N, C-alpha and C. Protein backbone atom coordinates (compact mmCIF):
# COMPACT_ATOMS: atom_id res chain seq x y z
N UNK A 1 68.79 211.57 82.45
CA UNK A 1 67.93 210.80 83.23
C UNK A 1 66.38 210.57 82.36
N UNK A 2 66.00 209.26 82.86
CA UNK A 2 64.83 208.64 82.28
C UNK A 2 63.35 209.34 82.85
N UNK A 3 62.70 210.01 81.97
CA UNK A 3 61.32 210.39 82.47
C UNK A 3 60.03 209.97 81.85
N UNK A 4 59.02 210.16 82.79
CA UNK A 4 57.84 209.66 82.30
C UNK A 4 57.33 208.37 82.11
N UNK A 5 57.98 207.36 82.47
CA UNK A 5 57.79 206.27 82.55
C UNK A 5 58.51 205.29 83.81
N UNK A 6 57.84 204.12 84.44
CA UNK A 6 58.90 203.60 85.19
C UNK A 6 60.22 203.23 84.84
N UNK A 7 61.39 203.63 85.46
CA UNK A 7 62.69 203.42 84.85
C UNK A 7 63.54 202.36 85.48
N UNK A 8 62.76 201.73 86.46
CA UNK A 8 63.11 200.58 87.56
C UNK A 8 64.45 200.54 87.70
N UNK A 9 64.73 201.65 88.39
CA UNK A 9 66.27 202.01 88.99
C UNK A 9 67.29 201.27 87.58
N UNK A 10 67.14 201.72 86.59
CA UNK A 10 67.87 201.18 85.54
C UNK A 10 69.29 202.10 85.76
N UNK A 11 70.29 201.32 84.74
CA UNK A 11 71.55 201.61 85.22
C UNK A 11 72.08 201.58 83.60
N UNK A 12 73.14 202.41 83.37
CA UNK A 12 73.70 202.30 81.72
C UNK A 12 74.92 201.52 82.47
N UNK A 13 75.49 200.31 82.01
CA UNK A 13 76.41 199.84 82.35
C UNK A 13 77.67 199.78 81.42
N UNK A 14 77.52 199.94 79.94
CA UNK A 14 78.17 200.55 78.96
C UNK A 14 77.81 201.52 78.18
N UNK A 15 78.68 202.24 77.53
CA UNK A 15 78.16 203.28 76.57
C UNK A 15 79.33 203.57 75.60
N UNK A 16 79.11 203.23 74.77
CA UNK A 16 79.71 203.15 73.65
C UNK A 16 79.06 203.18 72.28
N UNK A 17 78.83 204.67 71.62
CA UNK A 17 77.98 204.80 70.36
C UNK A 17 77.82 203.98 69.17
N UNK A 18 79.36 203.46 68.99
CA UNK A 18 79.36 202.70 67.73
C UNK A 18 79.68 200.99 67.88
N UNK A 19 79.43 201.07 69.27
CA UNK A 19 79.96 199.51 69.56
C UNK A 19 78.62 198.96 70.43
N UNK A 20 78.45 199.46 71.62
CA UNK A 20 77.41 198.74 72.77
C UNK A 20 77.12 199.78 73.84
N UNK A 21 75.77 199.65 73.75
CA UNK A 21 75.04 200.24 75.21
C UNK A 21 74.33 199.30 75.74
N UNK A 22 74.61 199.01 77.33
CA UNK A 22 74.02 197.96 77.70
C UNK A 22 73.40 198.54 78.70
N UNK A 23 72.46 198.00 79.58
CA UNK A 23 71.66 198.36 80.65
C UNK A 23 71.42 197.09 81.68
N UNK A 24 71.09 197.72 82.71
CA UNK A 24 70.50 196.58 83.67
C UNK A 24 69.43 197.51 84.28
N UNK A 25 68.23 196.63 84.89
CA UNK A 25 66.92 197.51 85.80
C UNK A 25 66.45 196.24 86.53
N UNK A 26 65.87 197.03 87.76
CA UNK A 26 65.75 196.00 88.57
C UNK A 26 64.08 195.82 88.60
N UNK A 27 63.14 194.58 88.41
CA UNK A 27 62.04 194.48 88.55
C UNK A 27 61.46 195.09 87.44
N UNK A 28 62.21 195.05 86.26
CA UNK A 28 61.39 195.17 84.98
C UNK A 28 61.10 193.58 84.26
N UNK A 29 60.83 193.61 82.99
CA UNK A 29 60.73 192.28 82.46
C UNK A 29 61.83 191.47 82.55
N UNK A 30 61.65 190.24 83.06
CA UNK A 30 62.75 189.60 83.45
C UNK A 30 63.47 188.99 82.35
N UNK A 31 63.43 189.37 80.88
CA UNK A 31 63.78 188.57 79.88
C UNK A 31 64.85 189.59 79.09
N UNK A 32 65.76 189.35 78.65
CA UNK A 32 66.94 189.89 77.94
C UNK A 32 66.72 190.29 76.36
N UNK A 33 66.87 191.76 76.23
CA UNK A 33 66.65 192.06 74.89
C UNK A 33 68.07 192.57 74.13
N UNK A 34 67.86 192.29 72.69
CA UNK A 34 69.21 192.31 72.04
C UNK A 34 68.90 193.10 71.09
N UNK A 35 69.58 194.29 70.83
CA UNK A 35 68.60 195.10 69.40
C UNK A 35 69.96 195.43 68.69
N UNK A 36 69.72 195.17 67.62
CA UNK A 36 70.50 195.37 66.32
C UNK A 36 70.39 197.03 66.11
N UNK A 37 71.19 197.88 66.00
CA UNK A 37 70.54 198.97 65.61
C UNK A 37 71.76 199.86 64.96
N UNK A 38 70.86 201.27 64.89
CA UNK A 38 71.67 202.33 64.04
C UNK A 38 71.25 203.34 65.02
N UNK A 39 71.97 204.76 64.42
CA UNK A 39 71.68 205.98 65.16
C UNK A 39 70.72 206.31 66.00
N UNK A 40 69.28 205.67 65.06
CA UNK A 40 67.97 206.45 65.75
C UNK A 40 67.94 205.75 67.08
N UNK A 41 68.52 204.54 67.47
CA UNK A 41 68.21 203.99 68.71
C UNK A 41 68.88 204.72 70.30
N UNK A 42 69.82 205.81 69.69
CA UNK A 42 70.25 206.65 70.84
C UNK A 42 69.14 207.25 71.80
N UNK A 43 67.87 207.61 70.96
CA UNK A 43 66.70 208.12 71.38
C UNK A 43 65.98 207.32 72.03
N UNK A 44 66.25 206.03 71.91
CA UNK A 44 65.01 205.04 72.49
C UNK A 44 66.08 204.13 73.74
N UNK A 45 66.96 204.34 73.66
CA UNK A 45 67.86 203.34 74.48
C UNK A 45 67.79 203.61 76.11
N UNK A 46 67.62 204.52 76.70
CA UNK A 46 67.31 204.59 77.97
C UNK A 46 65.56 204.19 78.27
N UNK A 47 65.05 204.11 77.44
CA UNK A 47 63.31 203.91 77.89
C UNK A 47 63.49 202.44 77.64
N UNK A 48 64.41 201.63 76.56
CA UNK A 48 64.55 200.35 76.29
C UNK A 48 65.03 200.01 77.46
N UNK A 49 66.14 200.40 77.69
CA UNK A 49 67.07 199.93 78.73
C UNK A 49 66.74 199.83 80.41
N UNK A 50 65.47 200.61 80.42
CA UNK A 50 64.71 200.39 81.56
C UNK A 50 63.46 199.49 81.86
N UNK A 51 63.23 199.05 80.23
CA UNK A 51 61.98 198.36 80.62
C UNK A 51 62.28 196.49 80.57
N UNK A 52 63.46 196.15 80.78
CA UNK A 52 64.02 194.80 80.54
C UNK A 52 65.13 194.55 81.75
N UNK A 53 65.20 193.65 82.39
CA UNK A 53 66.17 193.35 83.19
C UNK A 53 67.96 193.26 82.79
N UNK A 54 67.91 192.81 81.31
CA UNK A 54 69.12 193.15 80.73
C UNK A 54 68.83 193.51 79.39
N UNK A 55 69.17 194.54 79.02
CA UNK A 55 69.23 195.09 77.47
C UNK A 55 70.46 195.18 76.77
N UNK A 56 71.06 194.96 75.48
CA UNK A 56 72.02 195.06 74.95
C UNK A 56 71.72 195.95 73.62
N UNK A 57 72.47 196.97 73.09
CA UNK A 57 72.01 197.61 71.98
C UNK A 57 73.09 197.87 71.20
N UNK A 58 73.46 197.13 70.53
CA UNK A 58 74.57 196.63 69.99
C UNK A 58 74.65 197.52 67.79
N UNK A 59 75.58 198.30 67.95
CA UNK A 59 75.38 199.23 66.64
C UNK A 59 75.93 198.17 65.44
N UNK A 60 74.95 198.51 64.34
CA UNK A 60 75.04 197.62 63.26
C UNK A 60 76.39 197.43 62.75
N UNK A 61 77.19 198.75 62.71
CA UNK A 61 78.32 198.34 62.25
C UNK A 61 79.45 197.39 63.03
N UNK A 62 79.29 197.10 64.09
CA UNK A 62 79.87 196.30 65.07
C UNK A 62 79.21 195.06 65.45
N UNK A 63 78.21 194.69 64.93
CA UNK A 63 77.49 193.68 65.13
C UNK A 63 78.09 192.01 64.82
N UNK A 64 78.17 191.34 65.60
CA UNK A 64 78.34 189.92 65.17
C UNK A 64 77.90 188.51 65.99
N UNK A 65 77.61 187.54 65.10
CA UNK A 65 76.67 186.89 65.24
C UNK A 65 77.50 186.38 66.71
N UNK A 66 78.68 186.21 67.18
CA UNK A 66 79.27 186.10 68.18
C UNK A 66 78.91 186.64 69.56
N UNK A 67 79.16 188.06 68.96
CA UNK A 67 78.19 188.38 70.48
C UNK A 67 76.51 188.32 70.48
N UNK A 68 76.34 188.21 69.89
CA UNK A 68 74.59 187.96 69.93
C UNK A 68 74.48 186.42 70.65
N UNK A 69 75.01 185.68 70.25
CA UNK A 69 75.21 184.41 70.85
C UNK A 69 75.63 184.47 72.51
N UNK A 70 76.83 185.21 72.54
CA UNK A 70 77.32 185.54 74.28
C UNK A 70 76.24 186.13 75.05
N UNK A 71 75.41 187.13 74.45
CA UNK A 71 74.63 187.60 75.47
C UNK A 71 73.21 186.96 75.48
N UNK A 72 73.02 185.94 74.51
CA UNK A 72 72.24 185.22 74.87
C UNK A 72 70.80 185.80 75.21
N UNK A 73 70.26 186.44 74.10
CA UNK A 73 68.95 187.17 74.66
C UNK A 73 67.72 186.23 74.48
N UNK A 74 66.44 186.64 74.93
CA UNK A 74 65.25 186.11 74.68
C UNK A 74 64.72 186.82 73.75
N UNK A 75 65.11 188.25 73.39
CA UNK A 75 64.22 188.85 72.19
C UNK A 75 65.57 189.53 71.44
N UNK A 76 64.90 189.39 70.11
CA UNK A 76 65.96 190.17 69.43
C UNK A 76 65.63 191.09 68.07
N UNK A 77 65.85 192.38 68.36
CA UNK A 77 65.29 193.25 67.35
C UNK A 77 66.01 194.05 66.72
N UNK A 78 65.98 194.04 65.20
CA UNK A 78 66.80 194.97 64.32
C UNK A 78 65.96 196.11 64.04
N UNK A 79 66.44 197.34 64.42
CA UNK A 79 66.15 198.36 64.43
C UNK A 79 66.77 199.56 63.71
N UNK A 80 65.89 199.88 62.41
CA UNK A 80 66.67 200.90 61.34
C UNK A 80 65.37 201.81 61.17
N UNK A 81 66.02 203.20 60.94
CA UNK A 81 65.21 204.02 60.45
C UNK A 81 65.09 204.09 58.66
N UNK A 82 63.87 204.70 58.40
CA UNK A 82 63.40 204.81 56.75
C UNK A 82 64.61 204.65 55.75
N UNK A 83 65.58 205.74 56.14
CA UNK A 83 66.92 205.97 55.00
C UNK A 83 67.76 204.51 55.16
N UNK A 84 67.44 203.46 56.27
CA UNK A 84 68.37 202.55 56.17
C UNK A 84 67.61 201.26 55.66
N UNK A 85 66.54 201.47 55.03
CA UNK A 85 65.76 200.48 54.66
C UNK A 85 66.40 199.36 53.60
N UNK A 86 67.46 200.01 52.72
CA UNK A 86 67.93 199.07 51.67
C UNK A 86 68.88 198.11 52.35
N UNK A 87 69.67 198.54 53.91
CA UNK A 87 70.36 197.72 54.33
C UNK A 87 69.57 196.10 54.93
N UNK A 88 68.15 196.43 54.99
CA UNK A 88 67.59 195.39 55.26
C UNK A 88 67.92 193.94 54.63
N UNK A 89 68.00 194.33 53.17
CA UNK A 89 68.41 193.14 52.16
C UNK A 89 69.60 192.55 52.24
N UNK A 90 70.49 193.15 52.70
CA UNK A 90 71.86 192.70 52.56
C UNK A 90 72.14 192.24 54.08
N UNK A 91 71.31 192.40 55.47
CA UNK A 91 71.78 191.92 56.67
C UNK A 91 71.73 190.20 56.63
N UNK A 92 72.29 189.81 57.65
CA UNK A 92 72.15 188.47 57.61
C UNK A 92 72.66 188.00 59.19
N UNK A 93 71.79 187.47 60.11
CA UNK A 93 71.88 187.54 61.50
C UNK A 93 73.26 186.50 61.68
N UNK A 94 73.52 185.75 60.95
CA UNK A 94 74.87 185.07 61.00
C UNK A 94 75.75 185.53 60.35
């Protein structure tokens, strides 16, 4: 359960740690956000998922550009913790 902020009646519609978490929320920011993530996002998923009408959090290990295109997001975020900074140099959106 999400607490401490407006959860906008959010609902987790897909929950696969090594693939995708997706959320839908009502009366939140109308844009769609796509987060290319590592494990740290598990602590932020409920909050991010409640703040946008459509949220996709894709694990870096299962990320594909085709998936990004299919989700057609307005916002794309690449999230990694400090120990993953070395991966930034080898990541390509395509």
